[in-house]
Protein backbone atom coordinates (compact mmCIF):
# COMPACT_ATOMS: atom_id res chain seq x y z
CA MET A 1 96.82 124.98 116.24
CA ASN A 2 98.47 121.63 115.63
CA LEU A 3 95.79 119.07 114.85
CA ASN A 4 97.76 116.43 116.72
CA THR A 5 96.73 118.00 120.04
CA TYR A 6 93.38 116.28 119.53
CA ILE A 7 94.93 112.84 119.09
CA THR A 8 94.55 110.40 121.98
CA ALA A 9 95.30 106.73 122.62
CA LYS A 10 92.90 105.09 125.07
CA PRO A 11 92.30 101.42 125.99
CA PHE A 12 88.77 100.01 126.27
CA LEU A 13 86.93 96.70 126.47
CA ARG A 14 85.06 95.54 123.40
CA SER A 15 81.51 95.23 124.72
CA ASP A 16 79.91 93.41 121.77
CA TYR A 17 82.10 90.29 121.94
CA THR A 18 82.78 87.80 124.73
CA THR A 19 85.20 84.90 124.39
CA LYS A 20 84.42 81.29 125.32
CA ASP A 21 85.96 81.76 128.78
CA ASN A 22 83.74 84.83 129.42
CA THR A 23 86.60 87.30 129.07
CA LYS A 24 86.63 90.38 126.88
CA ILE A 25 89.43 91.71 124.68
CA ILE A 26 91.14 95.02 125.41
CA TYR A 27 91.29 97.33 122.39
CA ILE A 28 93.07 100.64 121.90
CA ARG A 29 91.26 103.53 120.22
CA ILE A 30 93.37 106.17 118.48
CA THR A 31 91.18 109.25 117.99
CA ILE A 32 92.39 111.35 115.08
CA PRO A 33 90.62 114.52 113.88
CA ASN A 34 87.68 113.47 111.69
CA ASN A 35 88.72 109.84 111.99
CA TYR A 36 89.68 107.11 114.41
CA LEU A 37 91.51 103.77 114.49
CA VAL A 38 90.70 100.77 116.68
CA PHE A 39 92.92 97.71 117.07
CA SER A 40 93.07 94.70 119.35
CA THR A 41 95.82 94.29 121.93
CA GLY A 42 95.23 90.54 122.04
CA ILE A 43 94.89 90.85 125.84
CA ASN A 44 91.88 89.15 127.47
CA VAL A 45 90.45 90.12 130.86
CA MET A 46 87.37 89.44 132.96
CA PRO A 47 85.21 92.62 132.94
CA LYS A 48 85.23 92.72 136.77
CA ASN A 49 89.05 92.95 136.66
CA TRP A 50 89.13 95.99 134.36
CA ASN A 51 89.01 99.53 135.71
CA LYS A 52 89.11 101.49 132.40
CA LYS A 53 92.87 101.97 132.43
CA ILE A 54 94.63 98.94 133.91
CA ILE A 55 93.93 95.35 134.88
CA HIS A 56 93.14 94.78 138.54
CA LYS A 57 95.44 92.68 140.72
CA ASN A 58 92.69 90.05 141.06
CA ASP A 59 93.72 88.85 137.60
CA PRO A 60 96.52 86.28 138.18
CA GLU A 61 98.39 87.59 135.11
CA CYS A 62 97.78 91.28 135.85
CA PHE A 63 101.47 92.22 135.98
CA GLU A 64 102.33 90.74 132.59
CA LYS A 65 99.11 91.97 130.94
CA ASN A 66 99.50 95.51 132.29
CA LYS A 67 103.11 95.51 131.13
CA ARG A 68 102.06 94.55 127.58
CA LEU A 69 99.21 97.08 127.57
CA LYS A 70 101.50 99.87 128.76
CA MET A 71 104.05 98.95 126.09
CA LEU A 72 101.43 99.23 123.33
CA ILE A 73 100.04 102.54 124.61
CA LEU A 74 103.55 104.00 124.95
CA LYS A 75 104.35 102.86 121.42
CA ALA A 76 101.24 104.62 120.14
CA GLN A 77 101.94 107.74 122.20
CA LYS A 78 105.51 107.89 120.92
CA ILE A 79 104.23 108.14 117.34
CA ILE A 80 101.68 110.78 118.34
CA ASP A 81 104.33 112.84 120.17
CA LYS A 82 106.74 112.58 117.26
CA TYR A 83 104.27 114.18 114.86
CA PHE A 84 103.20 116.75 117.46
CA PHE A 85 106.73 118.05 118.11
CA GLU A 86 107.59 118.02 114.42
CA ASP A 87 104.34 119.92 113.74
CA LYS A 88 103.27 117.38 111.13
CA THR A 89 99.77 116.07 110.54
CA LEU A 90 99.26 112.48 111.65
CA THR A 91 96.67 110.58 109.62
CA LYS A 92 95.15 107.17 110.20
CA GLU A 93 97.18 105.68 107.34
CA ILE A 94 100.46 107.15 108.58
CA PHE A 95 99.85 105.90 112.11
CA LYS A 96 99.11 102.35 110.90
CA SER A 97 102.22 102.28 108.74
CA GLU A 98 104.42 103.28 111.68
CA PHE A 99 102.72 101.32 114.46
CA PHE A 100 102.46 97.98 112.64
CA THR A 101 105.78 96.82 111.25
CA PRO A 102 105.09 93.36 109.78
CA ASN A 103 106.40 94.05 106.28
CA LYS A 104 109.93 93.91 107.65
CA ILE A 105 109.43 90.54 109.38
CA LEU A 106 109.33 87.16 107.67
CA PHE A 107 106.81 84.90 109.39
CA PHE A 108 108.85 81.72 109.63
CA ASP A 109 112.10 83.38 110.75
CA TRP A 110 110.12 85.09 113.49
CA ALA A 111 107.99 82.02 114.40
CA TYR A 112 110.98 79.68 114.84
CA LYS A 113 112.58 82.19 117.22
CA GLU A 114 109.34 82.50 119.20
CA LEU A 115 109.13 78.71 119.39
CA GLU A 116 112.52 78.57 121.09
CA LYS A 117 111.29 81.00 123.77
CA MET A 118 108.22 78.91 124.64
CA THR A 119 108.13 76.89 127.86
CA ILE A 120 106.67 73.71 126.42
CA GLY A 121 107.50 70.02 126.42
CA TYR A 122 109.72 68.20 123.95
CA GLY A 123 106.79 66.55 122.20
CA THR A 124 104.80 69.78 121.91
CA ARG A 125 107.81 71.69 120.61
CA LYS A 126 108.43 69.01 118.00
CA ALA A 127 104.77 69.06 116.93
CA TYR A 128 104.77 72.87 116.62
CA LYS A 129 107.92 72.84 114.51
CA SER A 130 106.54 70.08 112.30
CA LYS A 131 103.32 72.03 111.63
CA LEU A 132 105.31 75.18 110.87
CA ASN A 133 107.47 73.24 108.41
CA ILE A 134 104.40 71.84 106.64
CA PHE A 135 102.86 75.31 106.33
CA LYS A 136 106.18 76.70 105.05
CA LYS A 137 106.36 73.98 102.40
CA TYR A 138 102.82 74.87 101.32
CA ILE A 139 103.07 78.69 101.32
CA GLY A 140 106.79 79.44 100.93
CA ASN A 141 108.61 82.36 102.53
CA ILE A 142 106.06 84.97 103.50
CA TYR A 143 105.79 88.15 105.55
CA ILE A 144 103.48 88.14 108.59
CA ALA A 145 101.29 90.84 107.03
CA GLU A 146 100.67 88.70 103.95
CA ILE A 147 98.87 85.93 105.87
CA THR A 148 95.12 86.32 105.27
CA SER A 149 91.94 84.55 106.35
CA LYS A 150 91.40 83.33 102.78
CA MET A 151 94.90 81.88 102.68
CA LEU A 152 94.29 79.96 105.93
CA GLU A 153 90.97 78.57 104.65
CA GLN A 154 92.69 77.44 101.45
CA TYR A 155 95.40 75.79 103.54
CA ARG A 156 92.76 73.90 105.53
CA THR A 157 91.19 72.67 102.27
CA SER A 158 94.61 71.60 101.02
CA LEU A 159 95.33 69.63 104.21
CA MET A 160 91.96 67.87 104.04
CA SER A 161 92.47 66.99 100.37
CA THR A 162 95.65 65.10 101.20
CA SER A 163 95.85 62.67 104.11
CA GLN A 164 94.42 64.73 106.97
CA ASN A 165 90.88 64.65 108.32
CA GLU A 166 89.11 67.82 109.44
CA ASN A 167 90.19 67.44 113.05
CA SER A 168 93.87 67.07 112.10
CA ALA A 169 93.62 70.03 109.72
CA ASN A 170 92.06 72.16 112.45
CA LYS A 171 94.81 71.18 114.90
CA SER A 172 97.38 72.37 112.34
CA LEU A 173 95.55 75.68 112.07
CA GLY A 174 95.32 75.88 115.86
CA ILE A 175 99.11 75.83 116.11
CA LEU A 176 99.42 78.59 113.52
CA LYS A 177 96.86 80.58 115.51
CA VAL A 178 99.13 80.39 118.58
CA PHE A 179 101.86 82.23 116.67
CA LEU A 180 99.56 84.80 115.08
CA ASN A 181 98.09 85.55 118.52
CA ILE A 182 101.62 86.29 119.72
CA ALA A 183 102.22 88.47 116.65
CA GLN A 184 99.09 90.45 117.46
CA LYS A 185 100.14 90.92 121.09
CA GLN A 186 103.50 92.22 119.87
CA ALA A 187 101.67 94.66 117.56
CA LEU A 188 103.20 93.06 114.49
CA ILE A 189 99.78 92.82 112.85
CA GLU A 190 96.78 95.10 113.09
CA LYS A 191 94.20 92.34 112.75
CA ASN A 192 94.54 88.62 113.39
CA PRO A 193 93.44 86.70 110.25
CA PHE A 194 92.05 83.99 112.54
CA GLU A 195 89.29 86.37 113.63
CA ASN A 196 87.46 85.24 110.49
CA VAL A 197 88.58 81.59 110.57
CA LYS A 198 86.66 79.16 112.75
CA ILE A 199 88.52 76.22 114.24
CA LYS A 200 85.97 73.68 115.31
CA GLU A 201 87.08 70.56 117.12
CA ILE A 202 85.14 67.50 116.05
CA LYS A 203 84.52 65.17 118.94
CA GLY A 204 86.29 61.91 118.33
CA ASN A 205 85.25 58.48 119.49
CA ARG A 206 88.45 57.56 121.29
CA LYS A 207 87.50 54.68 123.55
CA PRO A 208 89.26 54.08 126.85
CA LEU A 209 90.35 50.57 127.71
CA LEU A 210 87.99 48.51 129.82
CA ILE A 211 89.31 46.91 133.00
CA ASN A 212 89.43 43.46 131.40
CA GLN A 213 91.36 44.86 128.42
CA LEU A 214 93.81 46.56 130.77
CA GLU A 215 94.27 43.24 132.58
CA LYS A 216 95.13 41.52 129.30
CA LEU A 217 97.96 43.99 128.78
CA GLU A 218 99.12 43.65 132.39
CA ASN A 219 99.34 39.86 132.05
CA LEU A 220 101.51 39.97 128.93
CA LYS A 221 105.02 38.57 129.28
CA LEU A 222 107.17 40.68 126.97
CA THR A 223 110.88 41.38 126.74
CA GLY A 224 113.15 44.09 125.35
CA LYS A 225 111.71 47.29 123.87
CA ALA A 226 108.18 45.87 123.73
CA LYS A 227 108.18 45.36 127.53
CA ILE A 228 109.50 48.88 128.14
CA ILE A 229 106.94 50.52 125.85
CA LEU A 230 104.08 48.53 127.37
CA ASN A 231 105.16 49.51 130.88
CA GLN A 232 105.35 53.20 129.93
CA PHE A 233 101.82 52.93 128.53
CA LEU A 234 100.60 51.17 131.69
CA PHE A 235 102.29 53.81 133.84
CA ALA A 236 100.18 56.42 132.02
CA CYS A 237 97.08 54.29 132.68
CA TYR A 238 97.92 54.28 136.40
CA THR A 239 98.77 58.00 136.70
CA GLY A 240 96.88 59.85 133.94
CA LEU A 241 100.11 61.52 132.84
CA SER A 242 100.53 62.70 129.25
CA TYR A 243 103.30 61.45 126.98
CA SER A 244 105.28 64.69 127.32
CA ASP A 245 105.16 64.64 131.14
CA ILE A 246 106.32 61.01 131.28
CA TYR A 247 109.05 61.78 128.74
CA GLU A 248 110.40 64.54 131.01
CA LEU A 249 109.95 62.57 134.25
CA SER A 250 113.13 61.85 136.24
CA ASP A 251 114.23 60.79 139.72
CA GLN A 252 114.22 64.40 140.91
CA HIS A 253 110.42 64.44 140.51
CA ILE A 254 109.74 61.31 142.61
CA PHE A 255 109.59 61.55 146.40
CA GLU A 256 109.01 59.01 149.16
CA GLU A 257 106.58 60.44 151.69
CA ASN A 258 104.30 59.38 154.51
CA PHE A 259 100.57 59.12 153.78
CA ASN A 260 98.36 58.28 156.75
CA ASP A 261 101.24 56.42 158.43
CA LYS A 262 102.07 54.55 155.21
CA GLN A 263 105.15 55.17 153.10
CA GLY A 264 104.57 55.76 149.42
CA LEU A 265 105.94 57.42 146.31
CA ILE A 266 104.54 60.62 144.84
CA ILE A 267 105.26 62.64 141.70
CA ARG A 268 105.81 66.35 142.30
CA LYS A 269 106.60 68.49 139.26
CA ASN A 270 105.13 71.15 137.00
CA ARG A 271 103.11 70.05 133.99
CA LEU A 272 104.81 70.90 130.73
CA LYS A 273 101.62 72.03 129.03
CA THR A 274 100.43 74.49 131.68
CA ASN A 275 103.43 74.83 134.02
CA ASN A 276 101.01 74.21 136.90
CA ALA A 277 102.27 72.17 139.85
CA MET A 278 101.01 68.59 140.15
CA SER A 279 101.20 65.90 142.81
CA ILE A 280 100.26 62.33 141.88
CA PRO A 281 100.63 59.47 144.39
CA LEU A 282 101.86 56.26 142.78
CA ILE A 283 99.84 53.09 143.28
CA PRO A 284 102.03 49.96 143.76
CA LYS A 285 101.81 48.95 140.09
CA ALA A 286 103.04 52.38 138.97
CA ALA A 287 105.74 52.43 141.67
CA ASN A 288 107.08 49.07 140.47
CA ILE A 289 107.38 50.35 136.88
CA TYR A 290 109.30 53.37 138.12
CA LYS A 291 111.60 51.25 140.28
CA ASN A 292 112.49 48.83 137.48
CA GLY A 293 113.84 51.72 135.38
CA ASP A 294 111.55 51.40 132.34
CA LEU A 295 110.75 55.12 132.43
CA ASN A 296 114.40 55.98 131.79
CA TYR A 297 114.13 54.94 128.15
CA LYS A 298 112.99 57.67 125.74
CA PHE A 299 111.01 57.04 122.56
CA THR A 300 109.11 59.37 120.26
CA ASN A 301 105.35 59.53 120.66
CA GLN A 302 104.88 58.26 117.10
CA TYR A 303 107.07 55.21 117.75
CA ILE A 304 105.27 54.34 121.00
CA ASN A 305 101.87 54.72 119.34
CA ARG A 306 102.90 52.43 116.49
CA GLU A 307 104.23 49.74 118.84
CA ILE A 308 101.41 49.91 121.40
CA LYS A 309 98.87 49.39 118.60
CA LYS A 310 100.67 46.16 117.64
CA ILE A 311 100.78 44.97 121.27
CA ALA A 312 97.08 45.72 121.81
CA LYS A 313 96.12 43.94 118.60
CA ASP A 314 98.08 40.84 119.68
CA VAL A 315 95.81 40.44 122.72
CA GLY A 316 92.61 41.02 120.74
CA ILE A 317 92.01 44.70 121.49
CA GLU A 318 90.47 46.01 118.28
CA ASN A 319 89.70 49.63 119.23
CA LYS A 320 92.30 52.23 118.33
CA VAL A 321 94.94 52.43 121.06
CA THR A 322 97.36 55.34 121.34
CA PHE A 323 99.36 56.70 124.25
CA HIS A 324 96.65 59.30 124.85
CA VAL A 325 94.12 56.50 125.33
CA ALA A 326 96.00 55.68 128.55
CA ARG A 327 94.99 59.07 129.94
CA HIS A 328 91.36 58.43 128.99
CA THR A 329 91.59 54.99 130.56
CA PHE A 330 92.89 56.40 133.84
CA ALA A 331 90.08 58.98 133.97
CA THR A 332 87.28 56.59 133.05
CA ILE A 333 88.33 53.79 135.38
CA SER A 334 88.99 56.23 138.24
CA LEU A 335 85.50 57.73 137.91
CA ASN A 336 83.84 54.33 137.57
CA LYS A 337 85.72 53.14 140.68
CA GLY A 338 84.11 55.98 142.62
CA ILE A 339 86.96 58.48 142.88
CA PRO A 340 85.33 61.95 143.14
CA ILE A 341 85.40 63.93 139.91
CA GLU A 342 87.14 66.82 141.70
CA VAL A 343 90.04 64.51 142.60
CA VAL A 344 90.25 63.04 139.08
CA SER A 345 90.18 66.55 137.63
CA ASP A 346 93.10 67.60 139.83
CA LEU A 347 95.09 64.47 138.99
CA LEU A 348 94.59 65.13 135.27
CA GLY A 349 95.56 68.77 135.65
CA HIS A 350 92.26 70.11 134.34
CA THR A 351 91.52 73.72 135.25
CA GLN A 352 87.77 73.20 134.82
CA ILE A 353 85.54 70.34 135.99
CA LYS A 354 83.61 70.45 132.70
CA THR A 355 86.72 69.17 130.93
CA THR A 356 86.79 66.13 133.20
CA LYS A 357 83.06 65.56 132.67
CA ILE A 358 83.87 64.40 129.14
CA TYR A 359 85.00 61.13 130.71
CA THR A 360 81.73 60.61 132.59
CA LYS A 361 80.03 59.68 129.35
CA ILE A 362 79.94 55.92 129.56
CA ASN A 363 80.48 54.17 126.24
CA ASP A 364 78.44 51.18 125.02
CA ASP A 365 81.27 48.69 125.58
CA TYR A 366 81.51 49.66 129.23
CA LYS A 367 77.72 49.40 129.65
CA PHE A 368 77.81 45.87 128.20
CA PHE A 369 80.75 44.93 130.42
CA GLN A 370 78.90 46.12 133.54
CA MET A 371 75.60 44.52 132.51
CA GLN A 372 77.28 41.11 132.42
CA LYS A 373 77.42 41.30 136.22
CA LEU A 374 73.62 40.89 136.26
CA ILE A 375 73.88 37.75 134.17
CA ASN A 376 76.74 36.26 136.18
CA LYS A 377 75.05 36.72 139.58
């Protein structure tokens, strides 16, 4: 009897591990006589949406996930059938060598091609490519299979020994993890080296602007590029939009509509980061910036950050100001003005309220600013 008749490929949920979002990872078990092989599909699912074979339609990505799962199972079954019909014995080692094909694929050649397929914003794409280039300069040309957990930890140490802090180093690793997750889903690697590498985000102390600081910037009389950059920053303060979404904003995304018998402008487009639809009404200050054409000029995020720091310093704002601070400013001021957190969360494009709750932590400067009202009354 051919031993391969006992070989099966079955998917299952890993019961001993739950991800941060309470999902579990689907694994495939290849049962070989006197042995077995288990590997991750890289597909996450809520346990209630798993029925032992496929992902239930309640999962919003069920079609794509089931398609990937079916592809992996068919790939495994094809190898099993090949050895069955040729009456050859299939061992664990032989199966692994045929199922995982990373030795033929150079990581960077593959990663750059995957980057081109991604639906992401200009700024994000540029950041991803930059981080890939830095890693390539550090490690050289390498096959996907040669990337190990130890190598990634050494790379983190190298980044931190140069000019990067731990948070920046972890962000660099986070981008590499995106690509290795894709490699795992494509069955290019048996095990993701990031399974043994922790990426911990250190909470920064990025302070939003206070209302009086925002007013100082609003009252500035600038010309040329400085005026345009300031207005783009203020537009972000008024809308909560990220740099990449403002960079991609155009007339086709702005509509004049009626709100409670009042005419107003509203942004309707998909966010570049998540591709989720957003709708953000423009307050008069934001509408004026749009109408004067200052959003038509395009600058890199690095250039805007450098210039906005100079502008802020000129009016006595000492805390670190970057374009992302505008988003924090919008959130903090909106919440302190009494806008419900659910509304602020939707305007920011957060999928979970707990993300928005980060902005409810009132910093010491804001406490002092508010306490002055007691003295002045």
